[in-house]
Amino acid sequence: MTEHKGFTSNFGAIMAAVGSAVGLGNIWRFPYICGQYGGGAFLVVYLCFVFLIGMALMMTEFVIGRRSQHSPVKAFSTLRPDKPGWRFVGLFGIITCFLILSLYLVISGWTLNYVGDTATGALANMDGTMLDQHFSHFSSSAIRPVICLAIFTIMTAAVILGGVQKGIEKVSKILMPILVLLLVVMCVRSLTLPGSMGGVEYLFKPDFSKLGAAGVLAALGQALFSLSVGMGVMVVYGSYIPKDDNLMRTSLWITVCDTLIALMSGLAIFPAVFSCGLEPAGGPGLVFKVLPMVFNSMNPVTGFPTGTVFAVIFFVLLVTAALTSAISLFEAITAWATESLHIRRTPATLVIALCVIAIAAFCSLSLGPLNHIHIAGMPLFDLVDRLTAAYLPPICALLTVLFFGWVMPGADIHDELSNHGTLKTGYYPVLRFLTRYIAPIALLLVLITGIFGN
C-alpha cells in the first residue's frame, strides 16, 4: 500500500485551500452582489454567515478528511463502516466536482483568451457595442474557445501530475502570493482614478433598504459556497493536512484570506468602473464587456498604454484565480480515481483530462453550433450551470453536515479537533450546535431558494 502523502507545512495547506476557495466567483460575483444588496449592510450579514456557518462547514470536511485519511467516497465508509450507504455522499461530491470543473474550464478558457486579446491590443480601440459583439462572437464560435479550454486543462493537469507536494502545494505557494500582489497593484490604480470613491461607496456604504430577505439569503448562499465546501474538495485537502496542525486555526486563516481577497477584488474593480461613469454589472458581462471599456479609457491619446498594461494584469489575475480553483477540483477527482479505482496518478490524470475536455467542449459548443440541442429545455451549458449553482453543492453539503453532526461519533470529532487531547477546544459545543442544527437549516434555505428562485 502506498503512503498517503500530504502537505508538508501549514502554510502550504492554507495556500492550497485558499486557492481552491478563491476563484472567478470571488472576483466577478461577490463585489457585485455586495453593492446590489446594500454594500456595508450586506457585508455585515455576509461576515456573520461566513465565519459561523461557512467556516463550520469547512471544518466539517477537514475533520472527515483528516480523520479518515481518504478521499470522499472511502472517507464516509471508513468513519462509519457499519453504515456503508454514506459512501454515496462522497460519490455525489465527485460527480459535482466533475460537472463544476467541466463548466469552469469553459469560463477559464475565456479568461485565457482575453490575456492574449489584451496583450496584443485587439480590444484597445473597441467601444461597448464592439466589445459586446466581440465576446458574443468568440464565446459562440466552434474552435477557439475549445482550444483555449483544452490549453487551460493541460495547465491544470500538469500541476496534478506533480503530485500533492511537488505539484499542488508548490504551485499554490507561488500562485497565491502572485494573485495577492496583482490585486494590490489593481487596487492602487483603481483607487487613484478620479471619481473612484463612488465605487467605494457602492461597496461599503450601508443601505439597509436594499438588503431585505433576498439580500440575507444571497449573503448566506455566498458565504456557504465561497469557501469551496459542498463538493468534497475540502475532504480531500483535509486528508493532506498534517496531523499536528490546528484545524480551527487553519480554517480561520483560510476564511480570513478568502474574505480579504474578495473585498480587494471589489476595490480593484468597482472604483474604476464608477470612475468611468459605467454601470456596475456582475458575471461575464462585467469581466468581458464592461472592464475592457474601463481599461481602454485609461489609455492616453499619446504615450504609454497604461490601460493595456492593466488589462493584461487583470486577466492574468483571473487566470491565476481560475487555475488555483481548477487544481482543487481536478485533484478531488484524481484522488478518487487513484484510491477507489486503483489507477496510478499519471494515467488517471490523463484520462480525467480527456473526459473533462470532452464535456467542457460540448458545454462550449452548446453556446454556438449546438445551441439548438436542448436537455430539459436548456442548452448543455445552461443545464450544467443550473445544476452546479442551485442544486448539487447544497445537497452535497447538507448530506455531509448531517453525517458529521448526527452519524460520525462525537468522540472521534473531538479527538481530531484537539489533536488527540493536546489542543484546547472550548469552541467544540458551539461547532456541534452549528453543524447539527443551524447549518442544515441554512443549507435547506439555500437549496429551496435555488429551486424556486430560478
Protein backbone atom coordinates (compact mmCIF):
# COMPACT_ATOMS: atom_id res chain seq x y z
CA MET A 1 0.00 0.00 0.00
CA THR A 2 1.43 3.42 -0.98
CA GLU A 3 1.99 6.08 1.65
CA HIS A 4 -0.70 8.75 1.89
CA LYS A 5 1.30 11.89 1.09
CA GLY A 6 0.00 15.23 2.28
CA PHE A 7 1.06 18.84 2.55
CA THR A 8 4.46 19.42 4.12
CA SER A 9 3.51 22.58 6.03
CA ASN A 10 0.61 24.51 7.46
CA PHE A 11 1.40 27.40 5.09
CA GLY A 12 1.19 25.05 2.10
CA ALA A 13 -2.14 23.67 3.30
CA ILE A 14 -3.57 27.17 3.77
CA MET A 15 -2.34 28.40 0.36
CA ALA A 16 -3.81 25.35 -1.39
CA ALA A 17 -7.17 25.66 0.37
CA VAL A 18 -7.33 29.43 -0.15
CA GLY A 19 -6.51 28.82 -3.81
CA SER A 20 -9.42 26.41 -4.00
CA ALA A 21 -11.81 28.88 -2.36
CA VAL A 22 -10.65 31.94 -4.29
CA GLY A 23 -11.97 31.64 -7.82
CA LEU A 24 -13.70 33.62 -10.51
CA GLY A 25 -16.80 33.97 -8.32
CA ASN A 26 -14.86 35.98 -5.73
CA ILE A 27 -13.78 38.46 -8.37
CA TRP A 28 -16.84 38.93 -10.53
CA ARG A 29 -19.73 37.92 -8.25
CA PHE A 30 -19.03 38.86 -4.63
CA PRO A 31 -18.36 42.59 -5.18
CA TYR A 32 -21.42 42.93 -7.40
CA ILE A 33 -23.92 41.32 -5.02
CA CYS A 34 -22.33 43.21 -2.12
CA GLY A 35 -23.16 46.51 -3.82
CA GLN A 36 -26.50 45.29 -5.14
CA TYR A 37 -27.79 44.40 -1.67
CA GLY A 38 -26.75 47.43 0.30
CA GLY A 39 -22.94 47.45 0.45
CA GLY A 40 -21.92 47.58 4.10
CA ALA A 41 -25.31 46.20 5.19
CA PHE A 42 -24.77 43.10 3.07
CA LEU A 43 -21.15 42.85 4.20
CA VAL A 44 -22.07 42.66 7.90
CA VAL A 45 -24.55 39.85 7.28
CA TYR A 46 -22.11 38.05 4.96
CA LEU A 47 -19.29 38.16 7.52
CA CYS A 48 -21.55 36.69 10.19
CA PHE A 49 -22.56 33.84 7.89
CA VAL A 50 -19.09 33.11 6.50
CA PHE A 51 -17.37 32.97 9.90
CA LEU A 52 -20.12 31.00 11.64
CA ILE A 53 -21.70 28.69 9.09
CA GLY A 54 -19.24 28.68 6.18
CA MET A 55 -16.21 28.07 8.38
CA ALA A 56 -18.07 25.39 10.35
CA LEU A 57 -18.79 23.54 7.10
CA MET A 58 -15.13 23.78 6.12
CA MET A 59 -14.07 22.33 9.47
CA THR A 60 -16.61 19.55 8.94
CA GLU A 61 -14.94 18.49 5.71
CA PHE A 62 -11.43 18.91 7.13
CA VAL A 63 -12.24 16.65 10.09
CA ILE A 64 -13.79 13.98 7.85
CA GLY A 65 -10.80 14.05 5.51
CA ARG A 66 -8.00 14.10 8.07
CA ARG A 67 -9.66 11.57 10.38
CA SER A 68 -10.23 9.07 7.58
CA GLN A 69 -7.10 9.83 5.51
CA HIS A 70 -9.19 9.11 2.42
CA SER A 71 -10.91 10.86 -0.46
CA PRO A 72 -14.69 11.43 -0.08
CA VAL A 73 -16.01 8.04 -1.25
CA LYS A 74 -13.90 6.00 1.18
CA ALA A 75 -13.89 8.64 3.91
CA PHE A 76 -17.54 8.16 4.90
CA SER A 77 -17.43 4.36 4.87
CA THR A 78 -14.14 4.36 6.81
CA LEU A 79 -15.54 6.54 9.59
CA ARG A 80 -18.77 4.54 9.83
CA PRO A 81 -18.15 1.07 8.32
CA ASP A 82 -21.46 -0.11 9.78
CA LYS A 83 -23.30 2.40 7.54
CA PRO A 84 -21.84 1.81 4.05
CA GLY A 85 -24.61 3.74 2.31
CA TRP A 86 -22.98 7.03 3.29
CA ARG A 87 -20.21 6.39 0.74
CA PHE A 88 -22.66 7.55 -1.92
CA VAL A 89 -22.43 11.06 -0.43
CA GLY A 90 -18.77 11.03 -1.36
CA LEU A 91 -19.56 9.77 -4.84
CA PHE A 92 -22.17 12.50 -5.19
CA GLY A 93 -19.46 15.01 -4.33
CA ILE A 94 -17.14 13.63 -7.03
CA ILE A 95 -19.90 13.93 -9.64
CA THR A 96 -20.47 17.51 -8.51
CA CYS A 97 -16.74 18.25 -8.85
CA PHE A 98 -16.68 16.79 -12.35
CA LEU A 99 -19.59 18.91 -13.56
CA ILE A 100 -18.33 22.09 -11.92
CA LEU A 101 -14.86 21.53 -13.39
CA SER A 102 -16.29 20.99 -16.88
CA LEU A 103 -18.17 24.30 -16.76
CA TYR A 104 -15.30 26.07 -15.03
CA LEU A 105 -12.90 25.10 -17.81
CA VAL A 106 -15.09 26.83 -20.40
CA ILE A 107 -15.05 30.14 -18.50
CA SER A 108 -11.37 29.76 -17.61
CA GLY A 109 -10.64 29.30 -21.30
CA TRP A 110 -12.36 32.64 -21.94
CA THR A 111 -10.06 34.37 -19.44
CA LEU A 112 -7.01 32.75 -21.06
CA ASN A 113 -8.11 34.01 -24.48
CA TYR A 114 -8.57 37.53 -23.13
CA VAL A 115 -4.99 37.58 -21.84
CA GLY A 116 -3.94 37.21 -25.46
CA ASP A 117 -6.52 39.70 -26.74
CA THR A 118 -5.43 42.39 -24.30
CA ALA A 119 -1.70 41.71 -24.71
CA THR A 120 -1.93 42.11 -28.50
CA GLY A 121 -4.08 45.23 -28.22
CA ALA A 122 -7.00 43.59 -30.03
CA LEU A 123 -9.52 45.22 -27.66
CA ALA A 124 -7.80 48.59 -27.28
CA ASN A 125 -9.98 50.64 -29.63
CA MET A 126 -13.33 48.94 -29.06
CA ASP A 127 -16.37 50.69 -27.60
CA GLY A 128 -19.12 48.98 -25.58
CA THR A 129 -21.03 47.70 -28.59
CA MET A 130 -17.91 46.34 -30.24
CA LEU A 131 -16.80 44.61 -27.03
CA ASP A 132 -20.24 43.03 -26.65
CA GLN A 133 -20.11 41.75 -30.22
CA HIS A 134 -16.54 40.53 -29.78
CA PHE A 135 -17.42 38.46 -26.71
CA SER A 136 -20.59 37.06 -28.26
CA HIS A 137 -18.76 36.07 -31.44
CA PHE A 138 -15.87 34.48 -29.52
CA SER A 139 -17.93 32.56 -26.93
CA SER A 140 -20.27 31.13 -29.58
CA SER A 141 -17.59 30.10 -32.07
CA ALA A 142 -16.72 26.45 -32.65
CA ILE A 143 -12.94 26.33 -32.49
CA ARG A 144 -11.17 28.97 -30.43
CA PRO A 145 -13.00 28.52 -27.08
CA VAL A 146 -12.43 24.75 -27.24
CA ILE A 147 -8.72 25.26 -27.93
CA CYS A 148 -8.48 27.70 -25.01
CA LEU A 149 -10.24 25.37 -22.55
CA ALA A 150 -8.03 22.47 -23.70
CA ILE A 151 -4.88 24.54 -23.07
CA PHE A 152 -6.18 25.53 -19.63
CA THR A 153 -6.93 21.86 -18.84
CA ILE A 154 -3.38 20.91 -19.82
CA MET A 155 -2.02 23.60 -17.49
CA THR A 156 -4.14 22.23 -14.65
CA ALA A 157 -3.25 18.60 -15.37
CA ALA A 158 0.46 19.47 -15.38
CA VAL A 159 0.16 20.61 -11.75
CA ILE A 160 -1.80 17.48 -10.77
CA LEU A 161 0.86 15.25 -12.36
CA GLY A 162 3.39 16.80 -9.99
CA GLY A 163 1.55 15.30 -7.03
CA VAL A 164 0.39 16.84 -3.76
CA GLN A 165 3.71 18.21 -2.53
CA LYS A 166 5.68 18.97 -5.70
CA GLY A 167 2.61 19.95 -7.70
CA ILE A 168 -0.36 21.38 -5.76
CA GLU A 169 1.46 22.67 -2.68
CA LYS A 170 4.45 24.08 -4.55
CA VAL A 171 2.36 25.83 -7.20
CA SER A 172 -0.12 27.20 -4.63
CA LYS A 173 2.75 28.75 -2.65
CA ILE A 174 3.76 30.60 -5.81
CA LEU A 175 0.41 31.46 -7.38
CA MET A 176 -1.41 32.78 -4.30
CA PRO A 177 1.20 35.45 -3.42
CA ILE A 178 1.25 36.44 -7.12
CA LEU A 179 -2.54 36.76 -7.08
CA VAL A 180 -2.44 38.98 -3.98
CA LEU A 181 0.33 41.13 -5.49
CA LEU A 182 -1.62 41.62 -8.72
CA LEU A 183 -4.71 42.54 -6.70
CA VAL A 184 -2.75 45.13 -4.71
CA VAL A 185 -1.48 46.70 -7.94
CA MET A 186 -5.01 46.80 -9.35
CA CYS A 187 -6.41 48.28 -6.11
CA VAL A 188 -3.83 51.08 -6.04
CA ARG A 189 -4.52 52.00 -9.66
CA SER A 190 -8.29 51.80 -9.28
CA LEU A 191 -8.42 53.89 -6.10
CA THR A 192 -6.26 56.65 -7.57
CA LEU A 193 -8.59 57.28 -10.51
CA PRO A 194 -10.76 60.44 -10.39
CA GLY A 195 -14.26 59.71 -9.14
CA SER A 196 -13.27 56.32 -7.74
CA MET A 197 -14.88 56.96 -4.35
CA GLY A 198 -18.28 56.29 -5.92
CA GLY A 199 -17.24 52.66 -6.30
CA VAL A 200 -16.04 52.50 -2.70
CA GLU A 201 -19.42 53.84 -1.53
CA TYR A 202 -21.20 51.29 -3.73
CA LEU A 203 -19.31 48.50 -1.98
CA PHE A 204 -19.24 49.64 1.63
CA LYS A 205 -21.81 52.35 2.38
CA PRO A 206 -24.57 50.63 4.41
CA ASP A 207 -28.00 50.81 2.81
CA PHE A 208 -30.33 48.52 4.74
CA SER A 209 -33.24 49.38 2.44
CA LYS A 210 -31.54 47.30 -0.28
CA LEU A 211 -30.83 44.31 1.94
CA GLY A 212 -34.19 42.67 2.66
CA ALA A 213 -34.84 38.94 2.78
CA ALA A 214 -33.37 38.44 -0.70
CA GLY A 215 -30.12 40.08 0.36
CA VAL A 216 -29.87 37.97 3.51
CA LEU A 217 -30.35 34.77 1.50
CA ALA A 218 -27.82 35.96 -1.09
CA ALA A 219 -25.30 36.58 1.72
CA LEU A 220 -25.98 33.14 3.13
CA GLY A 221 -25.54 31.45 -0.24
CA GLN A 222 -22.33 33.33 -0.99
CA ALA A 223 -20.94 32.50 2.46
CA LEU A 224 -21.66 28.80 2.09
CA PHE A 225 -20.04 28.41 -1.30
CA SER A 226 -17.27 31.00 -1.24
CA LEU A 227 -15.14 28.59 0.80
CA SER A 228 -15.35 25.75 -1.75
CA VAL A 229 -17.43 23.50 0.52
CA GLY A 230 -20.15 21.17 -0.67
CA MET A 231 -18.26 19.19 -3.28
CA GLY A 232 -15.75 17.08 -1.36
CA VAL A 233 -12.70 19.18 -2.25
CA MET A 234 -12.01 20.12 1.36
CA VAL A 235 -12.39 16.47 2.41
CA VAL A 236 -9.52 15.65 0.04
CA TYR A 237 -7.42 18.60 1.19
CA GLY A 238 -8.27 17.73 4.79
CA SER A 239 -6.71 14.31 4.28
CA TYR A 240 -3.50 16.10 3.21
CA ILE A 241 -3.33 18.44 6.24
CA PRO A 242 -0.55 17.43 8.69
CA LYS A 243 -1.81 15.65 11.80
CA ASP A 244 -0.29 18.22 14.15
CA ASP A 245 -1.99 21.23 12.53
CA ASN A 246 -4.69 23.07 14.43
CA LEU A 247 -7.78 22.65 12.20
CA MET A 248 -9.60 25.53 13.87
CA ARG A 249 -6.73 27.93 13.25
CA THR A 250 -6.21 26.67 9.70
CA SER A 251 -9.90 27.11 8.89
CA LEU A 252 -9.88 30.61 10.37
CA TRP A 253 -6.87 31.66 8.29
CA ILE A 254 -8.46 30.33 5.11
CA THR A 255 -11.73 32.13 5.83
CA VAL A 256 -9.96 35.42 6.58
CA CYS A 257 -7.79 35.20 3.45
CA ASP A 258 -10.72 34.30 1.21
CA THR A 259 -12.80 37.19 2.55
CA LEU A 260 -9.97 39.73 2.23
CA ILE A 261 -9.31 38.71 -1.36
CA ALA A 262 -12.99 39.08 -2.20
CA LEU A 263 -13.01 42.58 -0.71
CA MET A 264 -9.79 43.51 -2.51
CA SER A 265 -11.36 42.33 -5.76
CA GLY A 266 -14.18 44.79 -5.22
CA LEU A 267 -11.70 47.61 -4.57
CA ALA A 268 -9.78 46.65 -7.69
CA ILE A 269 -12.85 46.72 -9.95
CA PHE A 270 -15.69 48.99 -8.89
CA PRO A 271 -13.86 52.26 -8.17
CA ALA A 272 -12.52 52.05 -11.74
CA VAL A 273 -15.98 51.25 -13.11
CA PHE A 274 -17.53 54.24 -11.34
CA SER A 275 -14.62 56.47 -12.35
CA CYS A 276 -15.53 55.84 -15.98
CA GLY A 277 -19.22 56.52 -15.37
CA LEU A 278 -20.27 52.95 -16.22
CA GLU A 279 -23.00 50.88 -14.61
CA PRO A 280 -21.76 48.02 -12.41
CA ALA A 281 -22.60 44.54 -13.63
CA GLY A 282 -21.96 41.01 -12.46
CA GLY A 283 -20.65 37.82 -14.04
CA PRO A 284 -19.20 37.59 -17.55
CA GLY A 285 -20.79 40.90 -18.54
CA LEU A 286 -18.58 42.72 -16.03
CA VAL A 287 -15.35 40.94 -16.90
CA PHE A 288 -15.54 40.60 -20.66
CA LYS A 289 -17.60 43.65 -21.66
CA VAL A 290 -17.51 46.39 -19.02
CA LEU A 291 -13.95 46.16 -17.70
CA PRO A 292 -12.25 46.26 -21.12
CA MET A 293 -14.05 49.62 -21.61
CA VAL A 294 -12.59 50.78 -18.28
CA PHE A 295 -9.09 49.77 -19.33
CA ASN A 296 -9.50 51.42 -22.73
CA SER A 297 -10.41 54.68 -21.02
CA MET A 298 -7.08 54.58 -19.17
CA ASN A 299 -5.09 54.63 -22.41
CA PRO A 300 -3.81 58.15 -23.13
CA VAL A 301 -4.00 59.62 -26.60
CA THR A 302 -0.22 59.54 -26.75
CA GLY A 303 2.42 57.92 -24.63
CA PHE A 304 2.49 54.73 -22.57
CA PRO A 305 -0.57 52.43 -22.97
CA THR A 306 -1.44 52.29 -19.26
CA GLY A 307 -4.86 50.72 -19.79
CA THR A 308 -3.48 47.89 -21.91
CA VAL A 309 -0.92 47.03 -19.24
CA PHE A 310 -3.54 46.92 -16.50
CA ALA A 311 -5.88 44.92 -18.71
CA VAL A 312 -3.18 42.27 -19.14
CA ILE A 313 -2.50 42.30 -15.38
CA PHE A 314 -6.20 41.87 -14.63
CA PHE A 315 -6.74 38.92 -16.96
CA VAL A 316 -3.56 37.24 -15.72
CA LEU A 317 -5.06 37.69 -12.25
CA LEU A 318 -8.25 35.98 -13.43
CA VAL A 319 -6.32 33.09 -14.97
CA THR A 320 -4.39 32.66 -11.70
CA ALA A 321 -7.59 32.57 -9.63
CA ALA A 322 -9.21 30.17 -12.08
CA LEU A 323 -6.19 27.87 -12.10
CA THR A 324 -5.96 27.51 -8.32
CA SER A 325 -9.65 26.57 -8.15
CA ALA A 326 -9.47 24.19 -11.10
CA ILE A 327 -6.50 22.42 -9.49
CA SER A 328 -8.54 21.59 -6.37
CA LEU A 329 -11.49 20.27 -8.39
CA PHE A 330 -9.20 18.19 -10.60
CA GLU A 331 -7.32 16.82 -7.59
CA ALA A 332 -10.55 15.70 -5.88
CA ILE A 333 -11.45 13.59 -8.92
CA THR A 334 -7.89 12.28 -9.28
CA ALA A 335 -7.72 11.29 -5.61
CA TRP A 336 -10.95 9.30 -6.02
CA ALA A 337 -9.66 7.58 -9.18
CA THR A 338 -6.33 6.58 -7.63
CA GLU A 339 -7.87 5.40 -4.37
CA SER A 340 -11.16 3.82 -5.40
CA LEU A 341 -10.36 2.65 -8.93
CA HIS A 342 -6.70 1.83 -8.14
CA ILE A 343 -5.39 3.75 -11.14
CA ARG A 344 -1.93 5.31 -10.93
CA ARG A 345 -1.83 9.12 -10.78
CA THR A 346 -0.39 9.70 -14.26
CA PRO A 347 -2.90 7.64 -16.29
CA ALA A 348 -5.74 8.78 -14.00
CA THR A 349 -4.84 12.43 -14.62
CA LEU A 350 -4.64 11.95 -18.38
CA VAL A 351 -7.96 10.08 -18.59
CA ILE A 352 -9.73 12.67 -16.42
CA ALA A 353 -8.27 15.48 -18.54
CA LEU A 354 -9.64 13.92 -21.72
CA CYS A 355 -13.06 13.35 -20.15
CA VAL A 356 -13.47 16.88 -18.79
CA ILE A 357 -12.22 18.39 -22.07
CA ALA A 358 -14.88 16.41 -23.90
CA ILE A 359 -17.72 17.52 -21.59
CA ALA A 360 -16.43 21.10 -21.45
CA ALA A 361 -16.20 21.19 -25.25
CA PHE A 362 -19.85 20.16 -25.55
CA CYS A 363 -20.78 22.83 -22.98
CA SER A 364 -18.89 25.42 -25.02
CA LEU A 365 -20.38 24.30 -28.32
CA SER A 366 -23.88 24.47 -26.82
CA LEU A 367 -23.43 28.25 -26.80
CA GLY A 368 -22.90 28.24 -30.56
CA PRO A 369 -23.08 25.44 -33.14
CA LEU A 370 -25.01 23.06 -30.84
CA ASN A 371 -27.30 25.69 -29.34
CA HIS A 372 -30.31 24.02 -30.94
CA ILE A 373 -29.80 20.84 -28.86
CA HIS A 374 -31.62 21.20 -25.53
CA ILE A 375 -31.73 18.95 -22.48
CA ALA A 376 -34.58 19.61 -20.04
CA GLY A 377 -35.39 22.64 -22.17
CA MET A 378 -31.90 24.16 -21.88
CA PRO A 379 -28.60 24.12 -23.78
CA LEU A 380 -25.99 21.93 -22.04
CA PHE A 381 -24.03 24.94 -20.73
CA ASP A 382 -27.14 26.38 -19.04
CA LEU A 383 -28.18 22.98 -17.67
CA VAL A 384 -24.80 22.31 -16.07
CA ASP A 385 -24.71 25.88 -14.76
CA ARG A 386 -28.14 25.43 -13.16
CA LEU A 387 -27.21 22.08 -11.60
CA THR A 388 -23.90 23.26 -10.18
CA ALA A 389 -25.19 26.64 -8.97
CA ALA A 390 -28.53 25.77 -7.40
CA TYR A 391 -28.81 22.05 -6.68
CA LEU A 392 -25.74 19.83 -6.36
CA PRO A 393 -23.44 21.73 -3.93
CA PRO A 394 -26.14 22.49 -1.32
CA ILE A 395 -27.39 18.88 -1.44
CA CYS A 396 -23.85 17.54 -1.05
CA ALA A 397 -23.07 19.99 1.76
CA LEU A 398 -26.34 19.16 3.54
CA LEU A 399 -25.67 15.41 3.47
CA THR A 400 -22.08 15.95 4.63
CA VAL A 401 -23.06 18.11 7.60
CA LEU A 402 -25.80 15.64 8.59
CA PHE A 403 -23.21 12.87 8.60
CA PHE A 404 -20.85 14.99 10.70
CA GLY A 405 -23.49 16.15 13.15
CA TRP A 406 -25.61 13.02 13.58
CA VAL A 407 -23.72 9.95 12.30
CA MET A 408 -19.99 10.41 12.94
CA PRO A 409 -19.08 9.62 16.58
CA GLY A 410 -18.69 12.79 18.62
CA ALA A 411 -15.66 11.35 20.41
CA ASP A 412 -13.86 10.97 17.07
CA ILE A 413 -14.65 14.57 16.12
CA HIS A 414 -13.38 15.95 19.42
CA ASP A 415 -10.27 13.78 19.29
CA GLU A 416 -9.42 15.06 15.79
CA LEU A 417 -10.04 18.72 16.60
CA SER A 418 -7.99 18.50 19.81
CA ASN A 419 -5.15 16.60 18.10
CA HIS A 420 -5.66 13.69 20.50
CA GLY A 421 -6.17 15.90 23.52
CA THR A 422 -3.20 18.23 23.01
CA LEU A 423 -5.23 21.31 21.98
CA LYS A 424 -7.95 23.24 23.79
CA THR A 425 -11.35 23.00 22.11
CA GLY A 426 -13.60 25.34 24.04
CA TYR A 427 -15.41 26.10 20.78
CA TYR A 428 -16.47 22.47 20.30
CA PRO A 429 -20.01 22.76 21.79
CA VAL A 430 -20.70 25.76 19.52
CA LEU A 431 -19.41 23.89 16.47
CA ARG A 432 -21.52 20.88 17.42
CA PHE A 433 -24.64 23.05 17.72
CA LEU A 434 -23.96 24.84 14.43
CA THR A 435 -23.38 21.65 12.46
CA ARG A 436 -26.34 19.80 13.97
CA TYR A 437 -28.99 22.46 13.73
CA ILE A 438 -28.06 25.82 12.18
CA ALA A 439 -26.06 24.69 9.14
CA PRO A 440 -28.64 22.11 7.95
CA ILE A 441 -31.42 24.72 8.17
CA ALA A 442 -29.26 27.26 6.31
CA LEU A 443 -28.45 24.76 3.57
CA LEU A 444 -32.12 23.84 3.20
CA LEU A 445 -32.98 27.52 2.78
CA VAL A 446 -30.29 27.92 0.11
CA LEU A 447 -31.49 24.78 -1.69
CA ILE A 448 -35.14 25.86 -1.60
CA THR A 449 -34.19 29.35 -2.81
CA GLY A 450 -32.17 27.82 -5.64
CA ILE A 451 -35.03 25.60 -6.72
CA PHE A 452 -37.87 28.09 -6.56
CA GLY A 453 -35.92 31.25 -7.21
CA ASN A 454 -34.82 30.26 -10.73
